[in-house]
All heavy atoms as atom14 arrays in JSON, in Angstrom:
{
  "sequence": "VGVMIGTGKYKQVTVITYLMAAVFILRYILDL",
  "atom14_mask": [
    [1, 1, 1, 1, 1, 1, 1, 0, 0, 0, 0, 0, 0, 0],
    [1, 1, 1, 1, 0, 0, 0, 0, 0, 0, 0, 0, 0, 0],
    [1, 1, 1, 1, 1, 1, 1, 0, 0, 0, 0, 0, 0, 0],
    [1, 1, 1, 1, 1, 1, 1, 1, 0, 0, 0, 0, 0, 0],
    [1, 1, 1, 1, 1, 1, 1, 1, 0, 0, 0, 0, 0, 0],
    [1, 1, 1, 1, 0, 0, 0, 0, 0, 0, 0, 0, 0, 0],
    [1, 1, 1, 1, 1, 1, 1, 0, 0, 0, 0, 0, 0, 0],
    [1, 1, 1, 1, 0, 0, 0, 0, 0, 0, 0, 0, 0, 0],
    [1, 1, 1, 1, 1, 1, 1, 1, 1, 0, 0, 0, 0, 0],
    [1, 1, 1, 1, 1, 1, 1, 1, 1, 1, 1, 1, 0, 0],
    [1, 1, 1, 1, 1, 1, 1, 1, 1, 0, 0, 0, 0, 0],
    [1, 1, 1, 1, 1, 1, 1, 1, 1, 0, 0, 0, 0, 0],
    [1, 1, 1, 1, 1, 1, 1, 0, 0, 0, 0, 0, 0, 0],
    [1, 1, 1, 1, 1, 1, 1, 0, 0, 0, 0, 0, 0, 0],
    [1, 1, 1, 1, 1, 1, 1, 0, 0, 0, 0, 0, 0, 0],
    [1, 1, 1, 1, 1, 1, 1, 1, 0, 0, 0, 0, 0, 0],
    [1, 1, 1, 1, 1, 1, 1, 0, 0, 0, 0, 0, 0, 0],
    [1, 1, 1, 1, 1, 1, 1, 1, 1, 1, 1, 1, 0, 0],
    [1, 1, 1, 1, 1, 1, 1, 1, 0, 0, 0, 0, 0, 0],
    [1, 1, 1, 1, 1, 1, 1, 1, 0, 0, 0, 0, 0, 0],
    [1, 1, 1, 1, 1, 0, 0, 0, 0, 0, 0, 0, 0, 0],
    [1, 1, 1, 1, 1, 0, 0, 0, 0, 0, 0, 0, 0, 0],
    [1, 1, 1, 1, 1, 1, 1, 0, 0, 0, 0, 0, 0, 0],
    [1, 1, 1, 1, 1, 1, 1, 1, 1, 1, 1, 0, 0, 0],
    [1, 1, 1, 1, 1, 1, 1, 1, 0, 0, 0, 0, 0, 0],
    [1, 1, 1, 1, 1, 1, 1, 1, 0, 0, 0, 0, 0, 0],
    [1, 1, 1, 1, 1, 1, 1, 1, 1, 1, 1, 0, 0, 0],
    [1, 1, 1, 1, 1, 1, 1, 1, 1, 1, 1, 1, 0, 0],
    [1, 1, 1, 1, 1, 1, 1, 1, 0, 0, 0, 0, 0, 0],
    [1, 1, 1, 1, 1, 1, 1, 1, 0, 0, 0, 0, 0, 0],
    [1, 1, 1, 1, 1, 1, 1, 1, 0, 0, 0, 0, 0, 0],
    [1, 1, 1, 1, 1, 1, 1, 1, 0, 0, 0, 0, 0, 0]
  ],
  "atom14_positions": [
    [[55.53, -21.82, -68.42], [54.85, -22.88, -69.18], [55.64, -23.24, -70.43], [55.82, -24.43, -70.76], [53.42, -22.45, -69.56], [52.8, -23.45, -70.54], [52.55, -22.34, -68.31], [0.0, 0.0, 0.0], [0.0, 0.0, 0.0], [0.0, 0.0, 0.0], [0.0, 0.0, 0.0], [0.0, 0.0, 0.0], [0.0, 0.0, 0.0], [0.0, 0.0, 0.0]],
    [[56.15, -22.23, -71.13], [56.92, -22.49, -72.35], [58.16, -23.31, -72.09], [58.47, -24.26, -72.82], [0.0, 0.0, 0.0], [0.0, 0.0, 0.0], [0.0, 0.0, 0.0], [0.0, 0.0, 0.0], [0.0, 0.0, 0.0], [0.0, 0.0, 0.0], [0.0, 0.0, 0.0], [0.0, 0.0, 0.0], [0.0, 0.0, 0.0], [0.0, 0.0, 0.0]],
    [[58.89, -22.97, -71.03], [60.11, -23.69, -70.68], [59.8, -25.11, -70.23], [60.5, -26.07, -70.63], [60.89, -22.93, -69.58], [62.04, -23.78, -69.05], [61.42, -21.61, -70.11], [0.0, 0.0, 0.0], [0.0, 0.0, 0.0], [0.0, 0.0, 0.0], [0.0, 0.0, 0.0], [0.0, 0.0, 0.0], [0.0, 0.0, 0.0], [0.0, 0.0, 0.0]],
    [[58.76, -25.28, -69.44], [58.41, -26.61, -68.94], [57.97, -27.54, -70.08], [58.3, -28.72, -70.09], [57.32, -26.51, -67.87], [57.76, -25.79, -66.61], [59.17, -26.55, -65.77], [58.34, -27.88, -64.9], [0.0, 0.0, 0.0], [0.0, 0.0, 0.0], [0.0, 0.0, 0.0], [0.0, 0.0, 0.0], [0.0, 0.0, 0.0], [0.0, 0.0, 0.0]],
    [[57.23, -26.99, -71.03], [56.82, -27.8, -72.19], [58.03, -28.15, -73.03], [58.21, -29.29, -73.47], [55.76, -27.05, -73.03], [54.45, -26.92, -72.25], [55.53, -27.76, -74.36], [53.39, -26.11, -72.98], [0.0, 0.0, 0.0], [0.0, 0.0, 0.0], [0.0, 0.0, 0.0], [0.0, 0.0, 0.0], [0.0, 0.0, 0.0], [0.0, 0.0, 0.0]],
    [[58.87, -27.14, -73.28], [60.05, -27.34, -74.14], [61.05, -28.32, -73.58], [61.78, -28.97, -74.33], [0.0, 0.0, 0.0], [0.0, 0.0, 0.0], [0.0, 0.0, 0.0], [0.0, 0.0, 0.0], [0.0, 0.0, 0.0], [0.0, 0.0, 0.0], [0.0, 0.0, 0.0], [0.0, 0.0, 0.0], [0.0, 0.0, 0.0], [0.0, 0.0, 0.0]],
    [[61.09, -28.47, -72.26], [62.04, -29.39, -71.63], [61.39, -30.73, -71.25], [61.99, -31.54, -70.55], [62.65, -28.75, -70.36], [61.6, -28.33, -69.47], [63.51, -27.55, -70.73], [0.0, 0.0, 0.0], [0.0, 0.0, 0.0], [0.0, 0.0, 0.0], [0.0, 0.0, 0.0], [0.0, 0.0, 0.0], [0.0, 0.0, 0.0], [0.0, 0.0, 0.0]],
    [[60.16, -30.93, -71.7], [59.48, -32.2, -71.45], [58.95, -32.38, -70.05], [58.63, -33.5, -69.63], [0.0, 0.0, 0.0], [0.0, 0.0, 0.0], [0.0, 0.0, 0.0], [0.0, 0.0, 0.0], [0.0, 0.0, 0.0], [0.0, 0.0, 0.0], [0.0, 0.0, 0.0], [0.0, 0.0, 0.0], [0.0, 0.0, 0.0], [0.0, 0.0, 0.0]],
    [[58.84, -31.29, -69.29], [58.35, -31.38, -67.91], [56.92, -30.87, -67.8], [56.5, -30.39, -66.74], [59.27, -30.58, -66.97], [60.71, -31.07, -66.97], [61.58, -30.21, -66.05], [63.02, -30.68, -66.04], [63.89, -29.83, -65.17], [0.0, 0.0, 0.0], [0.0, 0.0, 0.0], [0.0, 0.0, 0.0], [0.0, 0.0, 0.0], [0.0, 0.0, 0.0]],
    [[56.17, -31.0, -68.87], [54.83, -30.42, -68.93], [53.87, -31.04, -67.91], [52.88, -30.41, -67.51], [54.26, -30.58, -70.34], [54.25, -31.99, -70.86], [53.17, -32.84, -70.63], [55.33, -32.48, -71.58], [53.16, -34.14, -71.1], [55.34, -33.79, -72.06], [54.25, -34.61, -71.82], [54.26, -35.91, -72.28], [0.0, 0.0, 0.0], [0.0, 0.0, 0.0]],
    [[54.16, -32.26, -67.45], [53.27, -32.9, -66.48], [53.38, -32.26, -65.09], [52.52, -32.46, -64.24], [53.58, -34.39, -66.38], [53.21, -35.19, -67.62], [53.46, -36.68, -67.42], [53.05, -37.47, -68.65], [53.3, -38.93, -68.47], [0.0, 0.0, 0.0], [0.0, 0.0, 0.0], [0.0, 0.0, 0.0], [0.0, 0.0, 0.0], [0.0, 0.0, 0.0]],
    [[54.45, -31.51, -64.87], [54.66, -30.87, -63.57], [53.91, -29.54, -63.45], [53.85, -28.94, -62.37], [56.15, -30.63, -63.33], [56.98, -31.9, -63.29], [58.46, -31.61, -63.08], [58.84, -30.57, -62.56], [59.31, -32.56, -63.49], [0.0, 0.0, 0.0], [0.0, 0.0, 0.0], [0.0, 0.0, 0.0], [0.0, 0.0, 0.0], [0.0, 0.0, 0.0]],
    [[53.34, -29.09, -64.57], [52.63, -27.81, -64.6], [51.17, -28.04, -64.22], [50.51, -28.95, -64.74], [52.72, -27.15, -65.99], [52.01, -25.8, -66.0], [54.18, -27.0, -66.41], [0.0, 0.0, 0.0], [0.0, 0.0, 0.0], [0.0, 0.0, 0.0], [0.0, 0.0, 0.0], [0.0, 0.0, 0.0], [0.0, 0.0, 0.0], [0.0, 0.0, 0.0]],
    [[50.65, -27.23, -63.33], [49.26, -27.38, -62.89], [48.28, -26.83, -63.93], [48.65, -26.03, -64.79], [49.02, -26.64, -61.56], [49.22, -25.23, -61.77], [49.95, -27.14, -60.49], [0.0, 0.0, 0.0], [0.0, 0.0, 0.0], [0.0, 0.0, 0.0], [0.0, 0.0, 0.0], [0.0, 0.0, 0.0], [0.0, 0.0, 0.0], [0.0, 0.0, 0.0]],
    [[47.05, -27.27, -63.81], [46.01, -26.82, -64.74], [45.81, -25.31, -64.66], [45.65, -24.63, -65.67], [44.67, -27.54, -64.45], [43.56, -26.97, -65.32], [44.81, -29.04, -64.67], [0.0, 0.0, 0.0], [0.0, 0.0, 0.0], [0.0, 0.0, 0.0], [0.0, 0.0, 0.0], [0.0, 0.0, 0.0], [0.0, 0.0, 0.0], [0.0, 0.0, 0.0]],
    [[45.82, -24.78, -63.45], [45.64, -23.33, -63.26], [46.74, -22.55, -63.96], [46.49, -21.53, -64.6], [45.6, -22.99, -61.76], [44.31, -23.54, -61.13], [45.69, -21.48, -61.53], [44.21, -23.3, -59.63], [0.0, 0.0, 0.0], [0.0, 0.0, 0.0], [0.0, 0.0, 0.0], [0.0, 0.0, 0.0], [0.0, 0.0, 0.0], [0.0, 0.0, 0.0]],
    [[47.98, -23.04, -63.85], [49.1, -22.35, -64.49], [48.97, -22.4, -66.01], [49.21, -21.4, -66.7], [50.44, -22.98, -64.05], [50.53, -22.95, -62.62], [51.61, -22.22, -64.64], [0.0, 0.0, 0.0], [0.0, 0.0, 0.0], [0.0, 0.0, 0.0], [0.0, 0.0, 0.0], [0.0, 0.0, 0.0], [0.0, 0.0, 0.0], [0.0, 0.0, 0.0]],
    [[48.59, -23.56, -66.55], [48.36, -23.68, -68.0], [47.27, -22.7, -68.44], [47.4, -22.01, -69.46], [47.92, -25.1, -68.37], [49.05, -26.05, -68.67], [49.16, -27.27, -67.99], [49.97, -25.74, -69.66], [50.19, -28.15, -68.28], [51.01, -26.63, -69.95], [51.11, -27.82, -69.26], [52.13, -28.69, -69.55], [0.0, 0.0, 0.0], [0.0, 0.0, 0.0]],
    [[46.19, -22.66, -67.68], [45.06, -21.81, -68.02], [45.46, -20.34, -68.04], [45.12, -19.61, -68.99], [43.93, -22.04, -67.02], [42.66, -21.19, -67.23], [42.04, -21.5, -68.59], [41.65, -21.46, -66.12], [0.0, 0.0, 0.0], [0.0, 0.0, 0.0], [0.0, 0.0, 0.0], [0.0, 0.0, 0.0], [0.0, 0.0, 0.0], [0.0, 0.0, 0.0]],
    [[46.18, -19.9, -67.03], [46.58, -18.5, -66.96], [47.53, -18.14, -68.09], [47.42, -17.06, -68.7], [47.22, -18.19, -65.61], [46.27, -18.26, -64.42], [44.7, -17.35, -64.7], [45.31, -15.73, -65.17], [0.0, 0.0, 0.0], [0.0, 0.0, 0.0], [0.0, 0.0, 0.0], [0.0, 0.0, 0.0], [0.0, 0.0, 0.0], [0.0, 0.0, 0.0]],
    [[48.48, -19.01, -68.39], [49.4, -18.74, -69.49], [48.65, -18.61, -70.82], [48.92, -17.72, -71.62], [50.45, -19.85, -69.57], [0.0, 0.0, 0.0], [0.0, 0.0, 0.0], [0.0, 0.0, 0.0], [0.0, 0.0, 0.0], [0.0, 0.0, 0.0], [0.0, 0.0, 0.0], [0.0, 0.0, 0.0], [0.0, 0.0, 0.0], [0.0, 0.0, 0.0]],
    [[47.67, -19.51, -71.03], [46.88, -19.48, -72.26], [46.08, -18.2, -72.38], [46.0, -17.58, -73.46], [45.95, -20.7, -72.32], [0.0, 0.0, 0.0], [0.0, 0.0, 0.0], [0.0, 0.0, 0.0], [0.0, 0.0, 0.0], [0.0, 0.0, 0.0], [0.0, 0.0, 0.0], [0.0, 0.0, 0.0], [0.0, 0.0, 0.0], [0.0, 0.0, 0.0]],
    [[45.49, -17.8, -71.28], [44.69, -16.56, -71.28], [45.57, -15.35, -71.57], [45.18, -14.46, -72.33], [43.96, -16.4, -69.92], [43.31, -15.02, -69.83], [42.91, -17.48, -69.76], [0.0, 0.0, 0.0], [0.0, 0.0, 0.0], [0.0, 0.0, 0.0], [0.0, 0.0, 0.0], [0.0, 0.0, 0.0], [0.0, 0.0, 0.0], [0.0, 0.0, 0.0]],
    [[46.75, -15.3, -70.98], [47.65, -14.17, -71.21], [48.14, -14.14, -72.66], [48.27, -13.07, -73.27], [48.85, -14.23, -70.26], [48.52, -13.76, -68.87], [48.79, -14.56, -67.76], [47.95, -12.51, -68.65], [48.5, -14.13, -66.48], [47.65, -12.07, -67.37], [47.92, -12.89, -66.29], [0.0, 0.0, 0.0], [0.0, 0.0, 0.0], [0.0, 0.0, 0.0]],
    [[48.43, -15.33, -73.23], [48.84, -15.39, -74.64], [47.71, -14.88, -75.53], [47.94, -14.1, -76.47], [49.23, -16.83, -75.02], [50.52, -17.23, -74.32], [49.39, -16.95, -76.55], [50.89, -18.7, -74.49], [0.0, 0.0, 0.0], [0.0, 0.0, 0.0], [0.0, 0.0, 0.0], [0.0, 0.0, 0.0], [0.0, 0.0, 0.0], [0.0, 0.0, 0.0]],
    [[46.5, -15.3, -75.23], [45.34, -14.86, -76.01], [45.15, -13.34, -75.89], [44.81, -12.67, -76.86], [44.09, -15.58, -75.51], [42.79, -15.32, -76.28], [42.94, -15.79, -77.73], [41.63, -16.01, -75.61], [0.0, 0.0, 0.0], [0.0, 0.0, 0.0], [0.0, 0.0, 0.0], [0.0, 0.0, 0.0], [0.0, 0.0, 0.0], [0.0, 0.0, 0.0]],
    [[45.41, -12.82, -74.69], [45.28, -11.38, -74.5], [46.25, -10.62, -75.39], [45.92, -9.59, -75.99], [45.55, -11.01, -73.03], [45.19, -9.59, -72.7], [45.85, -9.11, -71.42], [47.26, -8.79, -71.62], [48.04, -8.2, -70.71], [47.55, -7.95, -69.52], [49.28, -7.93, -70.97], [0.0, 0.0, 0.0], [0.0, 0.0, 0.0], [0.0, 0.0, 0.0]],
    [[47.49, -11.12, -75.48], [48.49, -10.45, -76.34], [48.12, -10.57, -77.81], [48.27, -9.62, -78.6], [49.87, -11.05, -76.09], [50.51, -10.58, -74.79], [50.97, -11.51, -73.86], [50.62, -9.23, -74.49], [51.56, -11.1, -72.67], [51.2, -8.8, -73.29], [51.66, -9.74, -72.4], [52.22, -9.33, -71.22], [0.0, 0.0, 0.0], [0.0, 0.0, 0.0]],
    [[47.62, -11.75, -78.21], [47.26, -11.95, -79.63], [46.12, -11.03, -80.03], [46.14, -10.4, -81.1], [46.86, -13.43, -79.87], [48.07, -14.34, -79.7], [46.26, -13.59, -81.27], [47.74, -15.81, -79.79], [0.0, 0.0, 0.0], [0.0, 0.0, 0.0], [0.0, 0.0, 0.0], [0.0, 0.0, 0.0], [0.0, 0.0, 0.0], [0.0, 0.0, 0.0]],
    [[45.14, -10.91, -79.17], [43.96, -10.09, -79.47], [44.14, -8.63, -79.03], [43.26, -7.79, -79.25], [42.73, -10.67, -78.78], [42.34, -12.1, -79.19], [41.11, -12.56, -78.41], [42.09, -12.17, -80.69], [0.0, 0.0, 0.0], [0.0, 0.0, 0.0], [0.0, 0.0, 0.0], [0.0, 0.0, 0.0], [0.0, 0.0, 0.0], [0.0, 0.0, 0.0]],
    [[45.3, -8.36, -78.39], [45.61, -7.0, -77.91], [44.5, -6.49, -76.99], [43.99, -5.36, -77.13], [45.79, -6.03, -79.08], [46.49, -4.73, -78.64], [47.19, -4.76, -77.62], [46.27, -3.7, -79.31], [0.0, 0.0, 0.0], [0.0, 0.0, 0.0], [0.0, 0.0, 0.0], [0.0, 0.0, 0.0], [0.0, 0.0, 0.0], [0.0, 0.0, 0.0]],
    [[44.09, -7.32, -76.04], [43.01, -6.98, -75.11], [43.57, -6.23, -73.91], [43.72, -6.76, -72.82], [42.28, -8.24, -74.65], [41.57, -9.04, -75.73], [40.97, -10.3, -75.15], [40.48, -8.18, -76.38], [0.0, 0.0, 0.0], [0.0, 0.0, 0.0], [0.0, 0.0, 0.0], [0.0, 0.0, 0.0], [0.0, 0.0, 0.0], [0.0, 0.0, 0.0]]
  ]
}
């Protein structure tokens, strides 16, 4: 997700992939 956003290809990323990446980032931030 980070690479696709950074290279301007964010429209090619599916909603499920965005959601999972966000959840994993949140898990690391909250140390869950």
